Amino acid sequence: GVAATGGGIHMWQPLPAHWAASTLASAARTEGLVVAPASAFCQDGEAPNAIRLSLGGCSSRAELTAALRKLATLLEHKPSADNRLLI
């Protein structure tokens, strides 16, 4: 599921066990998507395995839809060896 935060423009997306948040963020960048791992917002070192999505960065609903579909496709697949090597 996706967790929304009170009508804001950000959402948290919990990740399947086969993706680490930092690995997914790197893989997403190769697809032209920019997401942030939860660890970037966690000061105590106990970050959930999730990414933060900023929904306000797209200029149109069509652009947002395309970006979310691209992210969904990425989430459905397990990371490749190339993705695991990205830091």
PDB file of N, CA and C in Angstrom:
ATOM      1  N   GLY A   1       0.827  -1.194   0.000  1.00  0.00           N
ATOM      2  CA  GLY A   1       0.000   0.000   0.000  1.00  0.00           C
ATOM      3  C   GLY A   1       0.857   1.236   0.000  1.00  0.00           C
ATOM      4  N   VAL A   2       0.223   2.324  -0.262  1.00  0.00           N
ATOM      5  CA  VAL A   2       0.877   3.625  -0.269  1.00  0.00           C
ATOM      6  C   VAL A   2       0.320   4.436   0.878  1.00  0.00           C
ATOM      7  N   ALA A   3       1.171   5.094   1.615  1.00  0.00           N
ATOM      8  CA  ALA A   3       0.733   5.920   2.736  1.00  0.00           C
ATOM      9  C   ALA A   3       0.784   7.393   2.346  1.00  0.00           C
ATOM     10  N   ALA A   4      -0.366   8.040   2.407  1.00  0.00           N
ATOM     11  CA  ALA A   4      -0.439   9.478   2.125  1.00  0.00           C
ATOM     12  C   ALA A   4      -0.287  10.228   3.433  1.00  0.00           C
ATOM     13  N   THR A   5       0.155  11.459   3.338  1.00  0.00           N
ATOM     14  CA  THR A   5       0.335  12.266   4.537  1.00  0.00           C
ATOM     15  C   THR A   5      -0.578  13.480   4.483  1.00  0.00           C
ATOM     16  N   GLY A   6      -1.777  13.346   4.936  1.00  0.00           N
ATOM     17  CA  GLY A   6      -2.700  14.457   5.137  1.00  0.00           C
ATOM     18  C   GLY A   6      -2.875  15.439   4.006  1.00  0.00           C
ATOM     19  N   GLY A   7      -3.087  15.008   2.800  1.00  0.00           N
ATOM     20  CA  GLY A   7      -3.362  15.922   1.694  1.00  0.00           C
ATOM     21  C   GLY A   7      -2.128  16.597   1.122  1.00  0.00           C
ATOM     22  N   GLY A   8      -0.943  16.192   1.550  1.00  0.00           N
ATOM     23  CA  GLY A   8       0.287  16.799   1.045  1.00  0.00           C
ATOM     24  C   GLY A   8       0.637  16.303  -0.348  1.00  0.00           C
ATOM     25  N   ILE A   9       1.741  16.787  -0.865  1.00  0.00           N
ATOM     26  CA  ILE A   9       2.163  16.388  -2.210  1.00  0.00           C
ATOM     27  C   ILE A   9       3.178  15.246  -2.173  1.00  0.00           C
ATOM     28  N   HIS A  10       3.398  14.677  -0.993  1.00  0.00           N
ATOM     29  CA  HIS A  10       4.325  13.559  -0.855  1.00  0.00           C
ATOM     30  C   HIS A  10       3.586  12.325  -0.383  1.00  0.00           C
ATOM     31  N   MET A  11       4.069  11.168  -0.835  1.00  0.00           N
ATOM     32  CA  MET A  11       3.526   9.886  -0.396  1.00  0.00           C
ATOM     33  C   MET A  11       4.688   8.954  -0.097  1.00  0.00           C
ATOM     34  N   TRP A  12       4.453   8.028   0.823  1.00  0.00           N
ATOM     35  CA  TRP A  12       5.442   7.007   1.139  1.00  0.00           C
ATOM     36  C   TRP A  12       5.026   5.706   0.498  1.00  0.00           C
ATOM     37  N   GLN A  13       5.956   5.077  -0.203  1.00  0.00           N
ATOM     38  CA  GLN A  13       5.695   3.794  -0.851  1.00  0.00           C
ATOM     39  C   GLN A  13       6.545   2.728  -0.173  1.00  0.00           C
ATOM     40  N   PRO A  14       5.916   1.848   0.631  1.00  0.00           N
ATOM     41  CA  PRO A  14       6.669   0.722   1.188  1.00  0.00           C
ATOM     42  C   PRO A  14       7.145  -0.177   0.042  1.00  0.00           C
ATOM     43  N   LEU A  15       8.294  -0.788   0.200  1.00  0.00           N
ATOM     44  CA  LEU A  15       8.876  -1.584  -0.876  1.00  0.00           C
ATOM     45  C   LEU A  15       8.791  -3.077  -0.576  1.00  0.00           C
ATOM     46  N   PRO A  16       8.688  -3.876  -1.646  1.00  0.00           N
ATOM     47  CA  PRO A  16       8.743  -5.332  -1.454  1.00  0.00           C
ATOM     48  C   PRO A  16      10.130  -5.714  -0.945  1.00  0.00           C
ATOM     49  N   ALA A  17      10.215  -6.854  -0.296  1.00  0.00           N
ATOM     50  CA  ALA A  17      11.464  -7.288   0.332  1.00  0.00           C
ATOM     51  C   ALA A  17      12.630  -7.388  -0.654  1.00  0.00           C
ATOM     52  N   HIS A  18      12.347  -7.636  -1.939  1.00  0.00           N
ATOM     53  CA  HIS A  18      13.449  -7.792  -2.893  1.00  0.00           C
ATOM     54  C   HIS A  18      14.096  -6.459  -3.290  1.00  0.00           C
ATOM     55  N   TRP A  19      13.547  -5.342  -2.858  1.00  0.00           N
ATOM     56  CA  TRP A  19      14.146  -4.037  -3.141  1.00  0.00           C
ATOM     57  C   TRP A  19      14.585  -3.368  -1.844  1.00  0.00           C
ATOM     58  N   ALA A  20      15.816  -2.884  -1.797  1.00  0.00           N
ATOM     59  CA  ALA A  20      16.262  -1.986  -0.733  1.00  0.00           C
ATOM     60  C   ALA A  20      15.993  -0.568  -1.236  1.00  0.00           C
ATOM     61  N   ALA A  21      15.584   0.317  -0.352  1.00  0.00           N
ATOM     62  CA  ALA A  21      15.198   1.672  -0.760  1.00  0.00           C
ATOM     63  C   ALA A  21      16.308   2.387  -1.529  1.00  0.00           C
ATOM     64  N   SER A  22      17.541   2.288  -1.069  1.00  0.00           N
ATOM     65  CA  SER A  22      18.636   2.983  -1.760  1.00  0.00           C
ATOM     66  C   SER A  22      18.896   2.390  -3.141  1.00  0.00           C
ATOM     67  N   THR A  23      18.745   1.069  -3.273  1.00  0.00           N
ATOM     68  CA  THR A  23      18.934   0.408  -4.565  1.00  0.00           C
ATOM     69  C   THR A  23      17.833   0.814  -5.529  1.00  0.00           C
ATOM     70  N   LEU A  24      16.597   0.868  -5.032  1.00  0.00           N
ATOM     71  CA  LEU A  24      15.491   1.274  -5.899  1.00  0.00           C
ATOM     72  C   LEU A  24      15.647   2.727  -6.329  1.00  0.00           C
ATOM     73  N   ALA A  25      16.068   3.590  -5.416  1.00  0.00           N
ATOM     74  CA  ALA A  25      16.262   5.004  -5.772  1.00  0.00           C
ATOM     75  C   ALA A  25      17.297   5.130  -6.895  1.00  0.00           C
ATOM     76  N   SER A  26      18.366   4.354  -6.823  1.00  0.00           N
ATOM     77  CA  SER A  26      19.388   4.370  -7.883  1.00  0.00           C
ATOM     78  C   SER A  26      18.830   3.833  -9.195  1.00  0.00           C
ATOM     79  N   ALA A  27      18.085   2.719  -9.127  1.00  0.00           N
ATOM     80  CA  ALA A  27      17.497   2.139 -10.334  1.00  0.00           C
ATOM     81  C   ALA A  27      16.476   3.090 -10.943  1.00  0.00           C
ATOM     82  N   ALA A  28      15.714   3.778 -10.103  1.00  0.00           N
ATOM     83  CA  ALA A  28      14.719   4.730 -10.592  1.00  0.00           C
ATOM     84  C   ALA A  28      15.394   5.876 -11.347  1.00  0.00           C
ATOM     85  N   ARG A  29      16.539   6.330 -10.849  1.00  0.00           N
ATOM     86  CA  ARG A  29      17.263   7.414 -11.531  1.00  0.00           C
ATOM     87  C   ARG A  29      17.643   7.006 -12.951  1.00  0.00           C
ATOM     88  N   THR A  30      17.994   5.741 -13.149  1.00  0.00           N
ATOM     89  CA  THR A  30      18.351   5.294 -14.499  1.00  0.00           C
ATOM     90  C   THR A  30      17.139   5.310 -15.422  1.00  0.00           C
ATOM     91  N   GLU A  31      15.936   5.320 -14.842  1.00  0.00           N
ATOM     92  CA  GLU A  31      14.689   5.382 -15.605  1.00  0.00           C
ATOM     93  C   GLU A  31      14.170   6.817 -15.728  1.00  0.00           C
ATOM     94  N   GLY A  32      14.934   7.781 -15.225  1.00  0.00           N
ATOM     95  CA  GLY A  32      14.515   9.175 -15.295  1.00  0.00           C
ATOM     96  C   GLY A  32      13.599   9.596 -14.161  1.00  0.00           C
ATOM     97  N   LEU A  33      13.494   8.765 -13.123  1.00  0.00           N
ATOM     98  CA  LEU A  33      12.655   9.074 -11.967  1.00  0.00           C
ATOM     99  C   LEU A  33      13.545   9.449 -10.788  1.00  0.00           C
ATOM    100  N   VAL A  34      13.098  10.385 -10.002  1.00  0.00           N
ATOM    101  CA  VAL A  34      13.849  10.756  -8.805  1.00  0.00           C
ATOM    102  C   VAL A  34      12.954  10.500  -7.599  1.00  0.00           C
ATOM    103  N   VAL A  35      13.360   9.554  -6.781  1.00  0.00           N
ATOM    104  CA  VAL A  35      12.671   9.243  -5.528  1.00  0.00           C
ATOM    105  C   VAL A  35      13.721   9.247  -4.433  1.00  0.00           C
ATOM    106  N   ALA A  36      13.276   9.416  -3.206  1.00  0.00           N
ATOM    107  CA  ALA A  36      14.213   9.467  -2.086  1.00  0.00           C
ATOM    108  C   ALA A  36      13.977   8.288  -1.152  1.00  0.00           C
ATOM    109  N   PRO A  37      15.056   7.607  -0.737  1.00  0.00           N
ATOM    110  CA  PRO A  37      14.894   6.534   0.241  1.00  0.00           C
ATOM    111  C   PRO A  37      14.508   7.128   1.594  1.00  0.00           C
ATOM    112  N   ALA A  38      13.756   6.366   2.377  1.00  0.00           N
ATOM    113  CA  ALA A  38      13.314   6.840   3.691  1.00  0.00           C
ATOM    114  C   ALA A  38      14.490   7.226   4.577  1.00  0.00           C
ATOM    115  N   SER A  39      15.630   6.582   4.379  1.00  0.00           N
ATOM    116  CA  SER A  39      16.805   6.884   5.212  1.00  0.00           C
ATOM    117  C   SER A  39      17.240   8.342   5.102  1.00  0.00           C
ATOM    118  N   ALA A  40      16.908   9.009   4.007  1.00  0.00           N
ATOM    119  CA  ALA A  40      17.260  10.423   3.838  1.00  0.00           C
ATOM    120  C   ALA A  40      16.482  11.316   4.801  1.00  0.00           C
ATOM    121  N   PHE A  41      15.402  10.784   5.377  1.00  0.00           N
ATOM    122  CA  PHE A  41      14.546  11.567   6.264  1.00  0.00           C
ATOM    123  C   PHE A  41      14.542  11.041   7.693  1.00  0.00           C
ATOM    124  N   CYS A  42      15.373  10.056   7.965  1.00  0.00           N
ATOM    125  CA  CYS A  42      15.376   9.385   9.260  1.00  0.00           C
ATOM    126  C   CYS A  42      16.693   9.669   9.977  1.00  0.00           C
ATOM    127  N   GLN A  43      16.603  10.261  11.153  1.00  0.00           N
ATOM    128  CA  GLN A  43      17.813  10.609  11.890  1.00  0.00           C
ATOM    129  C   GLN A  43      18.274   9.522  12.849  1.00  0.00           C
ATOM    130  N   ASP A  44      17.394   8.578  13.206  1.00  0.00           N
ATOM    131  CA  ASP A  44      17.775   7.587  14.214  1.00  0.00           C
ATOM    132  C   ASP A  44      18.317   6.289  13.628  1.00  0.00           C
ATOM    133  N   GLY A  45      18.424   6.198  12.292  1.00  0.00           N
ATOM    134  CA  GLY A  45      18.968   5.011  11.670  1.00  0.00           C
ATOM    135  C   GLY A  45      17.992   3.864  11.538  1.00  0.00           C
ATOM    136  N   GLU A  46      16.751   4.045  11.931  1.00  0.00           N
ATOM    137  CA  GLU A  46      15.736   2.989  11.879  1.00  0.00           C
ATOM    138  C   GLU A  46      14.722   3.278  10.769  1.00  0.00           C
ATOM    139  N   ALA A  47      15.197   3.550   9.586  1.00  0.00           N
ATOM    140  CA  ALA A  47      14.321   3.904   8.471  1.00  0.00           C
ATOM    141  C   ALA A  47      13.582   2.683   7.943  1.00  0.00           C
ATOM    142  N   PRO A  48      12.295   2.855   7.622  1.00  0.00           N
ATOM    143  CA  PRO A  48      11.561   1.742   7.005  1.00  0.00           C
ATOM    144  C   PRO A  48      12.068   1.524   5.576  1.00  0.00           C
ATOM    145  N   ASN A  49      11.800   0.362   5.023  1.00  0.00           N
ATOM    146  CA  ASN A  49      12.179   0.074   3.637  1.00  0.00           C
ATOM    147  C   ASN A  49      11.101   0.684   2.741  1.00  0.00           C
ATOM    148  N   ALA A  50      11.268   1.976   2.456  1.00  0.00           N
ATOM    149  CA  ALA A  50      10.268   2.732   1.707  1.00  0.00           C
ATOM    150  C   ALA A  50      10.962   3.862   0.957  1.00  0.00           C
ATOM    151  N   ILE A  51      10.232   4.417  -0.002  1.00  0.00           N
ATOM    152  CA  ILE A  51      10.706   5.590  -0.715  1.00  0.00           C
ATOM    153  C   ILE A  51       9.654   6.683  -0.598  1.00  0.00           C
ATOM    154  N   ARG A  52      10.092   7.927  -0.710  1.00  0.00           N
ATOM    155  CA  ARG A  52       9.161   9.054  -0.701  1.00  0.00           C
ATOM    156  C   ARG A  52       8.958   9.512  -2.123  1.00  0.00           C
ATOM    157  N   LEU A  53       7.702   9.629  -2.511  1.00  0.00           N
ATOM    158  CA  LEU A  53       7.342  10.119  -3.833  1.00  0.00           C
ATOM    159  C   LEU A  53       6.863  11.554  -3.702  1.00  0.00           C
ATOM    160  N   SER A  54       7.376  12.421  -4.537  1.00  0.00           N
ATOM    161  CA  SER A  54       6.905  13.796  -4.586  1.00  0.00           C
ATOM    162  C   SER A  54       5.985  13.922  -5.787  1.00  0.00           C
ATOM    163  N   LEU A  55       4.708  14.097  -5.524  1.00  0.00           N
ATOM    164  CA  LEU A  55       3.720  14.141  -6.591  1.00  0.00           C
ATOM    165  C   LEU A  55       3.615  15.518  -7.237  1.00  0.00           C
ATOM    166  N   GLY A  56       4.224  16.524  -6.635  1.00  0.00           N
ATOM    167  CA  GLY A  56       4.125  17.885  -7.155  1.00  0.00           C
ATOM    168  C   GLY A  56       5.145  18.224  -8.217  1.00  0.00           C
ATOM    169  N   GLY A  57       6.063  17.316  -8.517  1.00  0.00           N
ATOM    170  CA  GLY A  57       7.121  17.614  -9.478  1.00  0.00           C
ATOM    171  C   GLY A  57       6.713  17.482 -10.929  1.00  0.00           C
ATOM    172  N   CYS A  58       5.568  16.870 -11.186  1.00  0.00           N
ATOM    173  CA  CYS A  58       5.108  16.667 -12.559  1.00  0.00           C
ATOM    174  C   CYS A  58       4.260  17.853 -12.997  1.00  0.00           C
ATOM    175  N   SER A  59       4.393  18.204 -14.255  1.00  0.00           N
ATOM    176  CA  SER A  59       3.671  19.374 -14.759  1.00  0.00           C
ATOM    177  C   SER A  59       2.255  19.061 -15.216  1.00  0.00           C
ATOM    178  N   SER A  60       1.921  17.776 -15.339  1.00  0.00           N
ATOM    179  CA  SER A  60       0.570  17.413 -15.776  1.00  0.00           C
ATOM    180  C   SER A  60       0.188  16.062 -15.192  1.00  0.00           C
ATOM    181  N   ARG A  61      -1.097  15.781 -15.207  1.00  0.00           N
ATOM    182  CA  ARG A  61      -1.583  14.486 -14.724  1.00  0.00           C
ATOM    183  C   ARG A  61      -1.041  13.358 -15.606  1.00  0.00           C
ATOM    184  N   ALA A  62      -0.930  13.607 -16.905  1.00  0.00           N
ATOM    185  CA  ALA A  62      -0.399  12.586 -17.825  1.00  0.00           C
ATOM    186  C   ALA A  62       1.060  12.265 -17.495  1.00  0.00           C
ATOM    187  N   GLU A  63       1.844  13.281 -17.179  1.00  0.00           N
ATOM    188  CA  GLU A  63       3.249  13.065 -16.816  1.00  0.00           C
ATOM    189  C   GLU A  63       3.346  12.277 -15.505  1.00  0.00           C
ATOM    190  N   LEU A  64       2.493  12.610 -14.530  1.00  0.00           N
ATOM    191  CA  LEU A  64       2.474  11.883 -13.262  1.00  0.00           C
ATOM    192  C   LEU A  64       2.063  10.428 -13.479  1.00  0.00           C
ATOM    193  N   THR A  65       1.043  10.215 -14.297  1.00  0.00           N
ATOM    194  CA  THR A  65       0.582   8.852 -14.593  1.00  0.00           C
ATOM    195  C   THR A  65       1.699   8.035 -15.229  1.00  0.00           C
ATOM    196  N   ALA A  66       2.396   8.609 -16.195  1.00  0.00           N
ATOM    197  CA  ALA A  66       3.490   7.902 -16.867  1.00  0.00           C
ATOM    198  C   ALA A  66       4.608   7.570 -15.875  1.00  0.00           C
ATOM    199  N   ALA A  67       4.947   8.503 -14.991  1.00  0.00           N
ATOM    200  CA  ALA A  67       6.009   8.278 -14.010  1.00  0.00           C
ATOM    201  C   ALA A  67       5.610   7.171 -13.026  1.00  0.00           C
ATOM    202  N   LEU A  68       4.356   7.196 -12.561  1.00  0.00           N
ATOM    203  CA  LEU A  68       3.900   6.173 -11.623  1.00  0.00           C
ATOM    204  C   LEU A  68       3.848   4.797 -12.278  1.00  0.00           C
ATOM    205  N   ARG A  69       3.476   4.745 -13.535  1.00  0.00           N
ATOM    206  CA  ARG A  69       3.481   3.458 -14.245  1.00  0.00           C
ATOM    207  C   ARG A  69       4.898   2.923 -14.393  1.00  0.00           C
ATOM    208  N   LYS A  70       5.834   3.811 -14.692  1.00  0.00           N
ATOM    209  CA  LYS A  70       7.240   3.404 -14.825  1.00  0.00           C
ATOM    210  C   LYS A  70       7.749   2.873 -13.485  1.00  0.00           C
ATOM    211  N   LEU A  71       7.393   3.542 -12.398  1.00  0.00           N
ATOM    212  CA  LEU A  71       7.801   3.090 -11.072  1.00  0.00           C
ATOM    213  C   LEU A  71       7.158   1.743 -10.730  1.00  0.00           C
ATOM    214  N   ALA A  72       5.889   1.578 -11.050  1.00  0.00           N
ATOM    215  CA  ALA A  72       5.194   0.309 -10.786  1.00  0.00           C
ATOM    216  C   ALA A  72       5.866  -0.841 -11.526  1.00  0.00           C
ATOM    217  N   THR A  73       6.256  -0.604 -12.765  1.00  0.00           N
ATOM    218  CA  THR A  73       6.949  -1.635 -13.545  1.00  0.00           C
ATOM    219  C   THR A  73       8.275  -1.995 -12.891  1.00  0.00           C
ATOM    220  N   LEU A  74       8.998  -0.987 -12.438  1.00  0.00           N
ATOM    221  CA  LEU A  74      10.275  -1.219 -11.769  1.00  0.00           C
ATOM    222  C   LEU A  74      10.070  -2.035 -10.489  1.00  0.00           C
ATOM    223  N   LEU A  75       9.051  -1.705  -9.711  1.00  0.00           N
ATOM    224  CA  LEU A  75       8.775  -2.410  -8.454  1.00  0.00           C
ATOM    225  C   LEU A  75       8.410  -3.872  -8.672  1.00  0.00           C
ATOM    226  N   GLU A  76       7.771  -4.169  -9.787  1.00  0.00           N
ATOM    227  CA  GLU A  76       7.334  -5.536 -10.073  1.00  0.00           C
ATOM    228  C   GLU A  76       8.501  -6.489 -10.318  1.00  0.00           C
ATOM    229  N   HIS A  77       9.618  -5.963 -10.754  1.00  0.00           N
ATOM    230  CA  HIS A  77      10.768  -6.792 -11.093  1.00  0.00           C
ATOM    231  C   HIS A  77      11.775  -6.788  -9.963  1.00  0.00           C
ATOM    232  N   LYS A  78      12.486  -7.870  -9.840  1.00  0.00           N
ATOM    233  CA  LYS A  78      13.576  -7.926  -8.861  1.00  0.00           C
ATOM    234  C   LYS A  78      14.767  -7.172  -9.437  1.00  0.00           C
ATOM    235  N   PRO A  79      15.573  -6.585  -8.568  1.00  0.00           N
ATOM    236  CA  PRO A  79      16.732  -5.841  -9.057  1.00  0.00           C
ATOM    237  C   PRO A  79      17.708  -6.745  -9.781  1.00  0.00           C
ATOM    238  N   SER A  80      18.303  -6.217 -10.824  1.00  0.00           N
ATOM    239  CA  SER A  80      19.325  -6.964 -11.545  1.00  0.00           C
ATOM    240  C   SER A  80      20.661  -6.778 -10.849  1.00  0.00           C
ATOM    241  N   ALA A  81      21.658  -7.531 -11.268  1.00  0.00           N
ATOM    242  CA  ALA A  81      23.004  -7.382 -10.700  1.00  0.00           C
ATOM    243  C   ALA A  81      23.504  -5.956 -10.898  1.00  0.00           C
ATOM    244  N   ASP A  82      23.175  -5.351 -12.027  1.00  0.00           N
ATOM    245  CA  ASP A  82      23.589  -3.980 -12.288  1.00  0.00           C
ATOM    246  C   ASP A  82      22.991  -3.028 -11.261  1.00  0.00           C
ATOM    247  N   ASN A  83      21.694  -3.213 -10.900  1.00  0.00           N
ATOM    248  CA  ASN A  83      21.044  -2.359  -9.916  1.00  0.00           C
ATOM    249  C   ASN A  83      21.700  -2.500  -8.555  1.00  0.00           C
ATOM    250  N   ARG A  84      22.078  -3.709  -8.188  1.00  0.00           N
ATOM    251  CA  ARG A  84      22.668  -3.925  -6.865  1.00  0.00           C
ATOM    252  C   ARG A  84      24.042  -3.270  -6.747  1.00  0.00           C
ATOM    253  N   LEU A  85      24.697  -3.025  -7.870  1.00  0.00           N
ATOM    254  CA  LEU A  85      26.019  -2.408  -7.824  1.00  0.00           C
ATOM    255  C   LEU A  85      25.958  -0.897  -7.729  1.00  0.00           C
ATOM    256  N   LEU A  86      24.803  -0.301  -8.000  1.00  0.00           N
ATOM    257  CA  LEU A  86      24.675   1.153  -7.937  1.00  0.00           C
ATOM    258  C   LEU A  86      24.639   1.611  -6.489  1.00  0.00           C
ATOM    259  N   ILE A  87      25.297   2.746  -6.226  1.00  0.00           N
ATOM    260  CA  ILE A  87      25.300   3.285  -4.855  1.00  0.00           C
ATOM    261  C   ILE A  87      24.772   4.697  -4.881  1.00  0.00           C
TER     262      ILE A  87
END
